[in-house]
Amino acid sequence: MTNRGLDPQGKAALFSSGVHAAPDTIGTGNAKEGKDALYSTGPRQAGTVVVHCSACEARVRTTLVDLGVRLLSISVWLPGRRHSHWMRCPACREHTWCSISWTD
């Protein structure tokens, strides 16, 4: 009697998922394509903001706690500018001008 249901290192492991496979963690939402998929940060999440860096052009979703630490360290705020916060960018880790917004 062979155990055909259990073949973790054979052909069946490559082309099928087991009954106890991990659930899909990708949520449903707007499908973004092309440039929008590369430069989007996903849907709004509670307790987060979007930081847009003027140097590396990255948009990073970060927590309010992380933002608070970045703003309490060496930072400058000049209102009236598009990128009004001089702070350490979460993406490139350089001090540069960034904008902070609730949504993308």
PDB file of N, CA and C in Angstrom:
ATOM      1  N   MET A   1       0.838  -1.168   0.000  1.00  0.00           N
ATOM      2  CA  MET A   1       0.000   0.000   0.000  1.00  0.00           C
ATOM      3  C   MET A   1       0.894   1.246   0.000  1.00  0.00           C
ATOM      4  N   THR A   2       0.709   2.119  -0.976  1.00  0.00           N
ATOM      5  CA  THR A   2       1.522   3.323  -1.080  1.00  0.00           C
ATOM      6  C   THR A   2       0.737   4.524  -0.572  1.00  0.00           C
ATOM      7  N   ASN A   3       1.457   5.495  -0.112  1.00  0.00           N
ATOM      8  CA  ASN A   3       0.833   6.713   0.411  1.00  0.00           C
ATOM      9  C   ASN A   3       0.934   7.798  -0.640  1.00  0.00           C
ATOM     10  N   ARG A   4       0.004   7.815  -1.601  1.00  0.00           N
ATOM     11  CA  ARG A   4       0.042   8.757  -2.721  1.00  0.00           C
ATOM     12  C   ARG A   4      -0.386  10.153  -2.313  1.00  0.00           C
ATOM     13  N   GLY A   5      -1.115  10.322  -1.214  1.00  0.00           N
ATOM     14  CA  GLY A   5      -1.593  11.631  -0.791  1.00  0.00           C
ATOM     15  C   GLY A   5      -0.481  12.507  -0.227  1.00  0.00           C
ATOM     16  N   LEU A   6       0.610  11.908   0.216  1.00  0.00           N
ATOM     17  CA  LEU A   6       1.695  12.652   0.830  1.00  0.00           C
ATOM     18  C   LEU A   6       2.941  12.523  -0.017  1.00  0.00           C
ATOM     19  N   ASP A   7       3.245  13.559  -0.786  1.00  0.00           N
ATOM     20  CA  ASP A   7       4.421  13.556  -1.660  1.00  0.00           C
ATOM     21  C   ASP A   7       5.059  14.948  -1.615  1.00  0.00           C
ATOM     22  N   PRO A   8       5.627  15.361  -0.448  1.00  0.00           N
ATOM     23  CA  PRO A   8       6.084  16.734  -0.291  1.00  0.00           C
ATOM     24  C   PRO A   8       7.291  17.106  -1.143  1.00  0.00           C
ATOM     25  N   GLN A   9       8.040  16.155  -1.648  1.00  0.00           N
ATOM     26  CA  GLN A   9       9.226  16.498  -2.416  1.00  0.00           C
ATOM     27  C   GLN A   9       9.143  16.042  -3.863  1.00  0.00           C
ATOM     28  N   GLY A  10       7.996  15.563  -4.276  1.00  0.00           N
ATOM     29  CA  GLY A  10       7.849  15.078  -5.640  1.00  0.00           C
ATOM     30  C   GLY A  10       7.087  16.034  -6.531  1.00  0.00           C
ATOM     31  N   LYS A  11       6.621  15.500  -7.629  1.00  0.00           N
ATOM     32  CA  LYS A  11       5.920  16.286  -8.640  1.00  0.00           C
ATOM     33  C   LYS A  11       4.632  16.897  -8.097  1.00  0.00           C
ATOM     34  N   ALA A  12       3.947  16.179  -7.231  1.00  0.00           N
ATOM     35  CA  ALA A  12       2.690  16.676  -6.685  1.00  0.00           C
ATOM     36  C   ALA A  12       2.904  17.930  -5.836  1.00  0.00           C
ATOM     37  N   ALA A  13       4.043  18.039  -5.171  1.00  0.00           N
ATOM     38  CA  ALA A  13       4.318  19.211  -4.344  1.00  0.00           C
ATOM     39  C   ALA A  13       4.486  20.462  -5.203  1.00  0.00           C
ATOM     40  N   LEU A  14       4.939  20.313  -6.426  1.00  0.00           N
ATOM     41  CA  LEU A  14       5.149  21.451  -7.302  1.00  0.00           C
ATOM     42  C   LEU A  14       3.855  21.979  -7.905  1.00  0.00           C
ATOM     43  N   PHE A  15       2.911  21.103  -8.185  1.00  0.00           N
ATOM     44  CA  PHE A  15       1.741  21.490  -8.954  1.00  0.00           C
ATOM     45  C   PHE A  15       0.430  21.479  -8.189  1.00  0.00           C
ATOM     46  N   SER A  16       0.462  21.265  -6.909  1.00  0.00           N
ATOM     47  CA  SER A  16      -0.775  21.284  -6.132  1.00  0.00           C
ATOM     48  C   SER A  16      -0.496  21.850  -4.748  1.00  0.00           C
ATOM     49  N   SER A  17      -1.525  22.387  -4.141  1.00  0.00           N
ATOM     50  CA  SER A  17      -1.378  22.889  -2.774  1.00  0.00           C
ATOM     51  C   SER A  17      -2.106  21.937  -1.844  1.00  0.00           C
ATOM     52  N   GLY A  18      -1.568  21.780  -0.686  1.00  0.00           N
ATOM     53  CA  GLY A  18      -2.155  20.867   0.276  1.00  0.00           C
ATOM     54  C   GLY A  18      -3.431  21.425   0.877  1.00  0.00           C
ATOM     55  N   VAL A  19      -4.132  20.606   1.602  1.00  0.00           N
ATOM     56  CA  VAL A  19      -5.372  21.015   2.231  1.00  0.00           C
ATOM     57  C   VAL A  19      -5.097  22.078   3.287  1.00  0.00           C
ATOM     58  N   HIS A  20      -3.956  21.997   3.918  1.00  0.00           N
ATOM     59  CA  HIS A  20      -3.611  22.914   4.990  1.00  0.00           C
ATOM     60  C   HIS A  20      -2.737  24.066   4.488  1.00  0.00           C
ATOM     61  N   ALA A  21      -2.967  24.499   3.271  1.00  0.00           N
ATOM     62  CA  ALA A  21      -2.197  25.612   2.713  1.00  0.00           C
ATOM     63  C   ALA A  21      -2.573  26.909   3.428  1.00  0.00           C
ATOM     64  N   ALA A  22      -1.627  27.816   3.499  1.00  0.00           N
ATOM     65  CA  ALA A  22      -1.865  29.102   4.156  1.00  0.00           C
ATOM     66  C   ALA A  22      -2.923  29.894   3.392  1.00  0.00           C
ATOM     67  N   PRO A  23      -3.786  30.615   4.095  1.00  0.00           N
ATOM     68  CA  PRO A  23      -4.810  31.405   3.396  1.00  0.00           C
ATOM     69  C   PRO A  23      -4.161  32.555   2.633  1.00  0.00           C
ATOM     70  N   ASP A  24      -4.816  32.981   1.599  1.00  0.00           N
ATOM     71  CA  ASP A  24      -4.304  34.068   0.780  1.00  0.00           C
ATOM     72  C   ASP A  24      -4.365  35.366   1.584  1.00  0.00           C
ATOM     73  N   THR A  25      -3.252  36.092   1.657  1.00  0.00           N
ATOM     74  CA  THR A  25      -3.201  37.311   2.459  1.00  0.00           C
ATOM     75  C   THR A  25      -3.427  38.562   1.630  1.00  0.00           C
ATOM     76  N   ILE A  26      -3.583  38.417   0.334  1.00  0.00           N
ATOM     77  CA  ILE A  26      -3.813  39.577  -0.511  1.00  0.00           C
ATOM     78  C   ILE A  26      -5.291  39.920  -0.462  1.00  0.00           C
ATOM     79  N   GLY A  27      -5.577  41.145  -0.056  1.00  0.00           N
ATOM     80  CA  GLY A  27      -6.964  41.579   0.051  1.00  0.00           C
ATOM     81  C   GLY A  27      -7.506  42.036  -1.284  1.00  0.00           C
ATOM     82  N   THR A  28      -8.796  42.034  -1.391  1.00  0.00           N
ATOM     83  CA  THR A  28      -9.417  42.514  -2.616  1.00  0.00           C
ATOM     84  C   THR A  28      -9.423  44.023  -2.615  1.00  0.00           C
ATOM     85  N   GLY A  29      -9.442  44.624  -3.746  1.00  0.00           N
ATOM     86  CA  GLY A  29      -9.442  46.076  -3.857  1.00  0.00           C
ATOM     87  C   GLY A  29      -9.321  46.470  -5.314  1.00  0.00           C
ATOM     88  N   ASN A  30      -8.993  47.724  -5.556  1.00  0.00           N
ATOM     89  CA  ASN A  30      -8.833  48.198  -6.920  1.00  0.00           C
ATOM     90  C   ASN A  30      -7.578  47.597  -7.535  1.00  0.00           C
ATOM     91  N   ALA A  31      -7.734  47.013  -8.698  1.00  0.00           N
ATOM     92  CA  ALA A  31      -6.577  46.464  -9.397  1.00  0.00           C
ATOM     93  C   ALA A  31      -5.844  47.610 -10.080  1.00  0.00           C
ATOM     94  N   LYS A  32      -4.589  47.800  -9.716  1.00  0.00           N
ATOM     95  CA  LYS A  32      -3.799  48.866 -10.314  1.00  0.00           C
ATOM     96  C   LYS A  32      -2.829  48.236 -11.290  1.00  0.00           C
ATOM     97  N   GLU A  33      -2.643  48.890 -12.403  1.00  0.00           N
ATOM     98  CA  GLU A  33      -1.789  48.344 -13.445  1.00  0.00           C
ATOM     99  C   GLU A  33      -0.693  49.337 -13.794  1.00  0.00           C
ATOM    100  N   GLY A  34       0.383  48.817 -14.351  1.00  0.00           N
ATOM    101  CA  GLY A  34       1.448  49.652 -14.876  1.00  0.00           C
ATOM    102  C   GLY A  34       2.083  50.539 -13.830  1.00  0.00           C
ATOM    103  N   LYS A  35       2.208  51.812 -14.153  1.00  0.00           N
ATOM    104  CA  LYS A  35       2.861  52.783 -13.284  1.00  0.00           C
ATOM    105  C   LYS A  35       2.130  52.930 -11.949  1.00  0.00           C
ATOM    106  N   ASP A  36       0.801  52.851 -11.976  1.00  0.00           N
ATOM    107  CA  ASP A  36       0.038  52.961 -10.736  1.00  0.00           C
ATOM    108  C   ASP A  36       0.375  51.830  -9.766  1.00  0.00           C
ATOM    109  N   ALA A  37       0.632  50.647 -10.281  1.00  0.00           N
ATOM    110  CA  ALA A  37       0.979  49.519  -9.425  1.00  0.00           C
ATOM    111  C   ALA A  37       2.356  49.715  -8.792  1.00  0.00           C
ATOM    112  N   LEU A  38       3.277  50.341  -9.512  1.00  0.00           N
ATOM    113  CA  LEU A  38       4.622  50.554  -8.988  1.00  0.00           C
ATOM    114  C   LEU A  38       4.670  51.662  -7.949  1.00  0.00           C
ATOM    115  N   TYR A  39       3.885  52.716  -8.140  1.00  0.00           N
ATOM    116  CA  TYR A  39       3.984  53.884  -7.293  1.00  0.00           C
ATOM    117  C   TYR A  39       2.800  54.060  -6.356  1.00  0.00           C
ATOM    118  N   SER A  40       2.050  53.024  -6.089  1.00  0.00           N
ATOM    119  CA  SER A  40       0.921  53.138  -5.185  1.00  0.00           C
ATOM    120  C   SER A  40       1.271  52.516  -3.841  1.00  0.00           C
ATOM    121  N   THR A  41       0.572  52.936  -2.815  1.00  0.00           N
ATOM    122  CA  THR A  41       0.839  52.430  -1.477  1.00  0.00           C
ATOM    123  C   THR A  41      -0.301  51.597  -0.928  1.00  0.00           C
ATOM    124  N   GLY A  42      -1.306  51.357  -1.709  1.00  0.00           N
ATOM    125  CA  GLY A  42      -2.426  50.549  -1.267  1.00  0.00           C
ATOM    126  C   GLY A  42      -3.496  51.384  -0.583  1.00  0.00           C
ATOM    127  N   PRO A  43      -4.549  50.733  -0.141  1.00  0.00           N
ATOM    128  CA  PRO A  43      -5.650  51.466   0.475  1.00  0.00           C
ATOM    129  C   PRO A  43      -5.261  52.037   1.842  1.00  0.00           C
ATOM    130  N   ARG A  44      -6.020  53.017   2.275  1.00  0.00           N
ATOM    131  CA  ARG A  44      -5.783  53.668   3.570  1.00  0.00           C
ATOM    132  C   ARG A  44      -5.917  52.654   4.683  1.00  0.00           C
ATOM    133  N   GLN A  45      -4.987  52.724   5.637  1.00  0.00           N
ATOM    134  CA  GLN A  45      -5.024  51.837   6.792  1.00  0.00           C
ATOM    135  C   GLN A  45      -5.056  52.698   8.043  1.00  0.00           C
ATOM    136  N   ALA A  46      -5.771  52.275   9.032  1.00  0.00           N
ATOM    137  CA  ALA A  46      -5.895  53.051  10.268  1.00  0.00           C
ATOM    138  C   ALA A  46      -4.528  53.209  10.929  1.00  0.00           C
ATOM    139  N   GLY A  47      -4.235  54.424  11.382  1.00  0.00           N
ATOM    140  CA  GLY A  47      -2.981  54.685  12.091  1.00  0.00           C
ATOM    141  C   GLY A  47      -1.772  54.830  11.197  1.00  0.00           C
ATOM    142  N   THR A  48      -1.977  55.118   9.913  1.00  0.00           N
ATOM    143  CA  THR A  48      -0.847  55.255   8.996  1.00  0.00           C
ATOM    144  C   THR A  48      -0.986  56.524   8.157  1.00  0.00           C
ATOM    145  N   VAL A  49       0.133  56.978   7.620  1.00  0.00           N
ATOM    146  CA  VAL A  49       0.176  58.107   6.692  1.00  0.00           C
ATOM    147  C   VAL A  49       1.085  57.731   5.530  1.00  0.00           C
ATOM    148  N   VAL A  50       0.996  58.508   4.452  1.00  0.00           N
ATOM    149  CA  VAL A  50       1.847  58.286   3.285  1.00  0.00           C
ATOM    150  C   VAL A  50       2.907  59.383   3.257  1.00  0.00           C
ATOM    151  N   VAL A  51       4.182  58.979   3.185  1.00  0.00           N
ATOM    152  CA  VAL A  51       5.294  59.920   3.094  1.00  0.00           C
ATOM    153  C   VAL A  51       5.820  59.858   1.672  1.00  0.00           C
ATOM    154  N   HIS A  52       5.844  61.026   0.985  1.00  0.00           N
ATOM    155  CA  HIS A  52       6.339  61.098  -0.392  1.00  0.00           C
ATOM    156  C   HIS A  52       7.666  61.840  -0.378  1.00  0.00           C
ATOM    157  N   CYS A  53       8.728  61.186  -0.823  1.00  0.00           N
ATOM    158  CA  CYS A  53      10.079  61.754  -0.820  1.00  0.00           C
ATOM    159  C   CYS A  53      10.332  62.497  -2.131  1.00  0.00           C
ATOM    160  N   SER A  54      10.906  63.698  -2.037  1.00  0.00           N
ATOM    161  CA  SER A  54      11.196  64.473  -3.246  1.00  0.00           C
ATOM    162  C   SER A  54      12.477  63.996  -3.928  1.00  0.00           C
ATOM    163  N   ALA A  55      13.359  63.335  -3.213  1.00  0.00           N
ATOM    164  CA  ALA A  55      14.626  62.888  -3.797  1.00  0.00           C
ATOM    165  C   ALA A  55      14.475  61.569  -4.546  1.00  0.00           C
ATOM    166  N   CYS A  56      13.944  60.562  -3.888  1.00  0.00           N
ATOM    167  CA  CYS A  56      13.842  59.237  -4.521  1.00  0.00           C
ATOM    168  C   CYS A  56      12.473  58.982  -5.132  1.00  0.00           C
ATOM    169  N   GLU A  57      11.534  59.922  -4.981  1.00  0.00           N
ATOM    170  CA  GLU A  57      10.181  59.826  -5.537  1.00  0.00           C
ATOM    171  C   GLU A  57       9.389  58.627  -5.002  1.00  0.00           C
ATOM    172  N   ALA A  58       9.801  58.068  -3.882  1.00  0.00           N
ATOM    173  CA  ALA A  58       9.100  56.914  -3.309  1.00  0.00           C
ATOM    174  C   ALA A  58       7.928  57.393  -2.462  1.00  0.00           C
ATOM    175  N   ARG A  59       6.868  56.617  -2.464  1.00  0.00           N
ATOM    176  CA  ARG A  59       5.728  56.839  -1.578  1.00  0.00           C
ATOM    177  C   ARG A  59       5.679  55.650  -0.631  1.00  0.00           C
ATOM    178  N   VAL A  60       5.817  55.924   0.650  1.00  0.00           N
ATOM    179  CA  VAL A  60       5.888  54.858   1.649  1.00  0.00           C
ATOM    180  C   VAL A  60       4.790  55.070   2.677  1.00  0.00           C
ATOM    181  N   ARG A  61       4.030  54.022   2.956  1.00  0.00           N
ATOM    182  CA  ARG A  61       3.030  54.080   4.019  1.00  0.00           C
ATOM    183  C   ARG A  61       3.740  53.717   5.313  1.00  0.00           C
ATOM    184  N   THR A  62       3.654  54.604   6.310  1.00  0.00           N
ATOM    185  CA  THR A  62       4.333  54.394   7.582  1.00  0.00           C
ATOM    186  C   THR A  62       3.361  54.661   8.729  1.00  0.00           C
ATOM    187  N   THR A  63       3.658  54.137   9.891  1.00  0.00           N
ATOM    188  CA  THR A  63       2.781  54.312  11.039  1.00  0.00           C
ATOM    189  C   THR A  63       2.950  55.700  11.637  1.00  0.00           C
ATOM    190  N   LEU A  64       1.971  56.126  12.397  1.00  0.00           N
ATOM    191  CA  LEU A  64       2.042  57.427  13.051  1.00  0.00           C
ATOM    192  C   LEU A  64       3.158  57.475  14.093  1.00  0.00           C
ATOM    193  N   VAL A  65       3.433  56.346  14.728  1.00  0.00           N
ATOM    194  CA  VAL A  65       4.527  56.285  15.704  1.00  0.00           C
ATOM    195  C   VAL A  65       5.864  56.497  15.009  1.00  0.00           C
ATOM    196  N   ASP A  66       6.081  55.819  13.891  1.00  0.00           N
ATOM    197  CA  ASP A  66       7.324  55.987  13.134  1.00  0.00           C
ATOM    198  C   ASP A  66       7.461  57.419  12.628  1.00  0.00           C
ATOM    199  N   LEU A  67       6.371  57.993  12.154  1.00  0.00           N
ATOM    200  CA  LEU A  67       6.405  59.378  11.696  1.00  0.00           C
ATOM    201  C   LEU A  67       6.751  60.323  12.845  1.00  0.00           C
ATOM    202  N   GLY A  68       6.170  60.084  14.014  1.00  0.00           N
ATOM    203  CA  GLY A  68       6.469  60.914  15.182  1.00  0.00           C
ATOM    204  C   GLY A  68       7.934  60.864  15.566  1.00  0.00           C
ATOM    205  N   VAL A  69       8.527  59.686  15.513  1.00  0.00           N
ATOM    206  CA  VAL A  69       9.953  59.547  15.819  1.00  0.00           C
ATOM    207  C   VAL A  69      10.786  60.299  14.788  1.00  0.00           C
ATOM    208  N   ARG A  70      10.424  60.199  13.522  1.00  0.00           N
ATOM    209  CA  ARG A  70      11.162  60.907  12.470  1.00  0.00           C
ATOM    210  C   ARG A  70      11.044  62.429  12.619  1.00  0.00           C
ATOM    211  N   LEU A  71       9.870  62.905  13.008  1.00  0.00           N
ATOM    212  CA  LEU A  71       9.673  64.340  13.147  1.00  0.00           C
ATOM    213  C   LEU A  71      10.305  64.891  14.427  1.00  0.00           C
ATOM    214  N   LEU A  72      10.395  64.076  15.480  1.00  0.00           N
ATOM    215  CA  LEU A  72      11.033  64.522  16.719  1.00  0.00           C
ATOM    216  C   LEU A  72      12.554  64.496  16.626  1.00  0.00           C
ATOM    217  N   SER A  73      13.088  63.672  15.743  1.00  0.00           N
ATOM    218  CA  SER A  73      14.531  63.711  15.503  1.00  0.00           C
ATOM    219  C   SER A  73      14.801  64.937  14.623  1.00  0.00           C
ATOM    220  N   ILE A  74      15.913  65.023  14.005  1.00  0.00           N
ATOM    221  CA  ILE A  74      16.283  66.198  13.220  1.00  0.00           C
ATOM    222  C   ILE A  74      15.301  66.382  12.064  1.00  0.00           C
ATOM    223  N   SER A  75      14.452  67.411  12.166  1.00  0.00           N
ATOM    224  CA  SER A  75      13.491  67.697  11.103  1.00  0.00           C
ATOM    225  C   SER A  75      13.134  69.183  11.121  1.00  0.00           C
ATOM    226  N   VAL A  76      12.648  69.669   9.995  1.00  0.00           N
ATOM    227  CA  VAL A  76      12.232  71.062   9.832  1.00  0.00           C
ATOM    228  C   VAL A  76      10.901  71.064   9.099  1.00  0.00           C
ATOM    229  N   TRP A  77      10.013  72.007   9.478  1.00  0.00           N
ATOM    230  CA  TRP A  77       8.733  72.145   8.793  1.00  0.00           C
ATOM    231  C   TRP A  77       8.604  73.560   8.268  1.00  0.00           C
ATOM    232  N   LEU A  78       8.437  73.706   6.959  1.00  0.00           N
ATOM    233  CA  LEU A  78       8.216  74.997   6.314  1.00  0.00           C
ATOM    234  C   LEU A  78       6.868  74.949   5.600  1.00  0.00           C
ATOM    235  N   PRO A  79       5.837  75.544   6.187  1.00  0.00           N
ATOM    236  CA  PRO A  79       4.512  75.491   5.557  1.00  0.00           C
ATOM    237  C   PRO A  79       4.489  76.249   4.240  1.00  0.00           C
ATOM    238  N   GLY A  80       3.590  75.851   3.369  1.00  0.00           N
ATOM    239  CA  GLY A  80       3.426  76.515   2.082  1.00  0.00           C
ATOM    240  C   GLY A  80       4.194  75.861   0.948  1.00  0.00           C
ATOM    241  N   ARG A  81       4.992  74.872   1.231  1.00  0.00           N
ATOM    242  CA  ARG A  81       5.737  74.158   0.197  1.00  0.00           C
ATOM    243  C   ARG A  81       5.036  72.849  -0.130  1.00  0.00           C
ATOM    244  N   ARG A  82       5.284  72.333  -1.314  1.00  0.00           N
ATOM    245  CA  ARG A  82       4.701  71.036  -1.678  1.00  0.00           C
ATOM    246  C   ARG A  82       5.292  69.927  -0.808  1.00  0.00           C
ATOM    247  N   HIS A  83       6.599  69.892  -0.672  1.00  0.00           N
ATOM    248  CA  HIS A  83       7.289  68.968   0.237  1.00  0.00           C
ATOM    249  C   HIS A  83       7.776  69.819   1.405  1.00  0.00           C
ATOM    250  N   SER A  84       6.965  69.906   2.436  1.00  0.00           N
ATOM    251  CA  SER A  84       7.202  70.883   3.489  1.00  0.00           C
ATOM    252  C   SER A  84       7.991  70.364   4.693  1.00  0.00           C
ATOM    253  N   HIS A  85       8.288  69.083   4.736  1.00  0.00           N
ATOM    254  CA  HIS A  85       8.994  68.509   5.887  1.00  0.00           C
ATOM    255  C   HIS A  85      10.382  68.034   5.463  1.00  0.00           C
ATOM    256  N   TRP A  86      11.420  68.595   6.102  1.00  0.00           N
ATOM    257  CA  TRP A  86      12.784  68.108   5.873  1.00  0.00           C
ATOM    258  C   TRP A  86      13.042  67.081   6.949  1.00  0.00           C
ATOM    259  N   MET A  87      13.111  65.820   6.562  1.00  0.00           N
ATOM    260  CA  MET A  87      13.216  64.716   7.511  1.00  0.00           C
ATOM    261  C   MET A  87      13.904  63.535   6.844  1.00  0.00           C
ATOM    262  N   ARG A  88      14.170  62.495   7.618  1.00  0.00           N
ATOM    263  CA  ARG A  88      14.780  61.285   7.076  1.00  0.00           C
ATOM    264  C   ARG A  88      13.707  60.474   6.355  1.00  0.00           C
ATOM    265  N   CYS A  89      13.938  60.217   5.081  1.00  0.00           N
ATOM    266  CA  CYS A  89      12.991  59.469   4.253  1.00  0.00           C
ATOM    267  C   CYS A  89      12.953  58.008   4.698  1.00  0.00           C
ATOM    268  N   PRO A  90      11.753  57.408   4.834  1.00  0.00           N
ATOM    269  CA  PRO A  90      11.679  55.992   5.204  1.00  0.00           C
ATOM    270  C   PRO A  90      12.191  55.059   4.110  1.00  0.00           C
ATOM    271  N   ALA A  91      12.220  55.503   2.864  1.00  0.00           N
ATOM    272  CA  ALA A  91      12.654  54.635   1.765  1.00  0.00           C
ATOM    273  C   ALA A  91      14.158  54.707   1.534  1.00  0.00           C
ATOM    274  N   CYS A  92      14.687  55.917   1.309  1.00  0.00           N
ATOM    275  CA  CYS A  92      16.120  56.037   0.973  1.00  0.00           C
ATOM    276  C   CYS A  92      16.992  56.352   2.188  1.00  0.00           C
ATOM    277  N   ARG A  93      16.396  56.602   3.337  1.00  0.00           N
ATOM    278  CA  ARG A  93      17.097  56.849   4.599  1.00  0.00           C
ATOM    279  C   ARG A  93      17.974  58.107   4.584  1.00  0.00           C
ATOM    280  N   GLU A  94      17.719  59.024   3.646  1.00  0.00           N
ATOM    281  CA  GLU A  94      18.467  60.275   3.566  1.00  0.00           C
ATOM    282  C   GLU A  94      17.605  61.416   4.081  1.00  0.00           C
ATOM    283  N   HIS A  95      18.229  62.457   4.623  1.00  0.00           N
ATOM    284  CA  HIS A  95      17.488  63.660   4.984  1.00  0.00           C
ATOM    285  C   HIS A  95      17.145  64.406   3.702  1.00  0.00           C
ATOM    286  N   THR A  96      15.875  64.582   3.463  1.00  0.00           N
ATOM    287  CA  THR A  96      15.402  65.224   2.247  1.00  0.00           C
ATOM    288  C   THR A  96      14.032  65.831   2.507  1.00  0.00           C
ATOM    289  N   TRP A  97      13.517  66.588   1.554  1.00  0.00           N
ATOM    290  CA  TRP A  97      12.193  67.193   1.677  1.00  0.00           C
ATOM    291  C   TRP A  97      11.131  66.158   1.341  1.00  0.00           C
ATOM    292  N   CYS A  98      10.163  66.025   2.229  1.00  0.00           N
ATOM    293  CA  CYS A  98       9.093  65.034   2.066  1.00  0.00           C
ATOM    294  C   CYS A  98       7.741  65.704   2.293  1.00  0.00           C
ATOM    295  N   SER A  99       6.713  65.113   1.718  1.00  0.00           N
ATOM    296  CA  SER A  99       5.350  65.540   2.008  1.00  0.00           C
ATOM    297  C   SER A  99       4.648  64.397   2.745  1.00  0.00           C
ATOM    298  N   ILE A 100       3.721  64.770   3.596  1.00  0.00           N
ATOM    299  CA  ILE A 100       2.993  63.796   4.412  1.00  0.00           C
ATOM    300  C   ILE A 100       1.512  63.974   4.125  1.00  0.00           C
ATOM    301  N   SER A 101       0.829  62.877   3.823  1.00  0.00           N
ATOM    302  CA  SER A 101      -0.613  62.948   3.567  1.00  0.00           C
ATOM    303  C   SER A 101      -1.302  61.703   4.130  1.00  0.00           C
ATOM    304  N   TRP A 102      -2.617  61.809   4.302  1.00  0.00           N
ATOM    305  CA  TRP A 102      -3.383  60.679   4.814  1.00  0.00           C
ATOM    306  C   TRP A 102      -3.646  59.642   3.728  1.00  0.00           C
ATOM    307  N   THR A 103      -3.813  60.108   2.497  1.00  0.00           N
ATOM    308  CA  THR A 103      -4.115  59.193   1.402  1.00  0.00           C
ATOM    309  C   THR A 103      -3.067  59.322   0.321  1.00  0.00           C
ATOM    310  N   ASP A 104      -3.141  58.443  -0.643  1.00  0.00           N
ATOM    311  CA  ASP A 104      -2.171  58.396  -1.732  1.00  0.00           C
ATOM    312  C   ASP A 104      -2.314  59.527  -2.679  1.00  0.00           C
TER     313      ASP A 104
END
